[in-house]
């Protein structure tokens, strides 16, 4: 029986995110204020426009959107998807693998 996802409850928190500093390829951790719910976080875009939705444990940026409510809606959809498929690790699995040398897909 599939689990029914519970609604995400958002709390205002400070958390660390990795951002590039200038033209350097290194990422620097910086504390930012934002909203946190479960593994998701939303904060103001460092580029001055919109909001960024990230997966906190992996620091993966999911999407940049113009409105905070749109980020909340996207997080709710990702949470429902992950609940129905068994978590974020199951989304990384696919039926084919990509070869690093030539970029072709092979069946596993």
Protein backbone atom coordinates (compact mmCIF):
# COMPACT_ATOMS: atom_id res chain seq x y z
CA UNK A 1 0.00 0.00 0.00
CA UNK A 2 1.57 3.34 -1.00
CA UNK A 3 2.17 5.91 1.69
CA UNK A 4 0.15 9.08 1.52
CA UNK A 5 2.60 12.00 1.68
CA UNK A 6 2.05 14.44 4.51
CA UNK A 7 2.04 18.13 3.65
CA UNK A 8 5.40 19.85 4.03
CA UNK A 9 5.58 22.28 6.93
CA UNK A 10 8.01 25.12 6.34
CA UNK A 11 10.07 26.75 9.10
CA UNK A 12 12.33 29.78 8.85
CA UNK A 13 15.95 28.74 9.50
CA UNK A 14 19.54 29.62 8.69
CA UNK A 15 21.43 26.91 6.82
CA UNK A 16 24.64 26.51 4.84
CA UNK A 17 24.72 26.36 1.05
CA UNK A 18 27.64 25.97 -1.33
CA UNK A 19 27.97 28.82 -3.82
CA UNK A 20 30.74 29.74 -6.25
CA UNK A 21 32.62 32.88 -5.33
CA UNK A 22 33.32 35.03 -8.38
CA UNK A 23 34.94 33.35 -11.35
CA UNK A 24 36.72 30.70 -9.27
CA UNK A 25 35.73 27.04 -9.66
CA UNK A 26 35.71 26.48 -5.90
CA UNK A 27 32.52 26.35 -3.86
CA UNK A 28 32.32 28.18 -0.57
CA UNK A 29 29.85 27.44 2.23
CA UNK A 30 27.84 30.39 3.35
CA UNK A 31 25.00 30.71 5.84
CA UNK A 32 21.76 31.95 4.30
CA UNK A 33 18.32 32.59 5.80
CA UNK A 34 15.45 30.73 4.23
CA UNK A 35 12.72 28.13 4.65
CA UNK A 36 13.35 24.47 5.50
CA UNK A 37 10.99 21.51 5.32
CA UNK A 38 12.37 17.99 5.61
CA UNK A 39 15.21 17.58 3.10
CA UNK A 40 14.23 20.69 1.13
CA UNK A 41 15.24 24.31 1.56
CA UNK A 42 14.31 27.54 -0.22
CA UNK A 43 16.41 30.71 -0.17
CA UNK A 44 16.75 33.96 -2.10
CA UNK A 45 18.80 33.58 -5.24
CA UNK A 46 22.30 35.00 -4.81
CA UNK A 47 21.94 36.51 -8.29
CA UNK A 48 19.28 38.90 -7.02
CA UNK A 49 16.15 37.50 -8.65
CA UNK A 50 13.85 34.73 -7.53
CA UNK A 51 14.31 31.77 -5.22
CA UNK A 52 16.31 28.54 -5.24
CA UNK A 53 14.97 25.12 -4.16
CA UNK A 54 17.69 22.73 -2.99
CA UNK A 55 17.97 19.24 -1.53
CA UNK A 56 19.80 19.99 1.74
CA UNK A 57 21.59 16.66 2.40
CA UNK A 58 23.20 16.56 -1.05
CA UNK A 59 23.31 20.36 -1.62
CA UNK A 60 21.86 19.69 -5.09
CA UNK A 61 20.04 22.65 -6.61
CA UNK A 62 16.70 21.42 -7.89
CA UNK A 63 15.21 24.49 -9.53
CA UNK A 64 15.31 28.29 -9.65
CA UNK A 65 11.89 29.95 -9.71
CA UNK A 66 10.54 33.49 -9.55
CA UNK A 67 8.14 32.92 -6.65
CA UNK A 68 8.60 31.28 -3.26
CA UNK A 69 5.20 29.55 -3.47
CA UNK A 70 6.23 27.95 -6.76
CA UNK A 71 9.30 26.49 -5.00
CA UNK A 72 7.06 25.15 -2.22
CA UNK A 73 4.78 23.54 -4.80
CA UNK A 74 7.77 21.95 -6.59
CA UNK A 75 9.08 20.59 -3.28
CA UNK A 76 5.68 19.05 -2.52
CA UNK A 77 5.68 17.36 -5.93
CA UNK A 78 9.21 16.01 -5.43
CA UNK A 79 8.25 14.74 -1.96
CA UNK A 80 5.21 12.93 -3.38
CA UNK A 81 7.31 11.46 -6.18
CA UNK A 82 10.02 10.27 -3.80
CA UNK A 83 7.43 8.75 -1.47
CA UNK A 84 5.83 6.78 -4.29
CA UNK A 85 9.15 5.60 -5.80
CA UNK A 86 11.03 4.77 -2.61
CA UNK A 87 13.24 7.81 -2.18
CA UNK A 88 15.64 10.00 -4.13
CA UNK A 89 18.14 7.16 -4.67
CA UNK A 90 15.60 5.23 -6.75
CA UNK A 91 15.22 8.18 -9.14
CA UNK A 92 18.92 7.97 -10.03
CA UNK A 93 18.57 4.37 -11.21
CA UNK A 94 17.69 3.86 -14.84
CA UNK A 95 17.33 0.98 -17.25
CA UNK A 96 20.41 2.03 -19.20
CA UNK A 97 23.88 3.21 -18.27
CA UNK A 98 25.74 5.98 -20.05
CA UNK A 99 29.24 5.17 -21.12
CA UNK A 100 31.72 7.86 -20.02
CA UNK A 101 33.92 7.37 -23.07
CA UNK A 102 31.50 7.80 -25.93
CA UNK A 103 28.24 8.94 -24.29
CA UNK A 104 26.23 6.00 -25.62
CA UNK A 105 23.63 4.16 -23.64
CA UNK A 106 23.97 0.44 -22.91
CA UNK A 107 21.39 -1.81 -21.30
CA UNK A 108 22.26 -3.33 -18.00
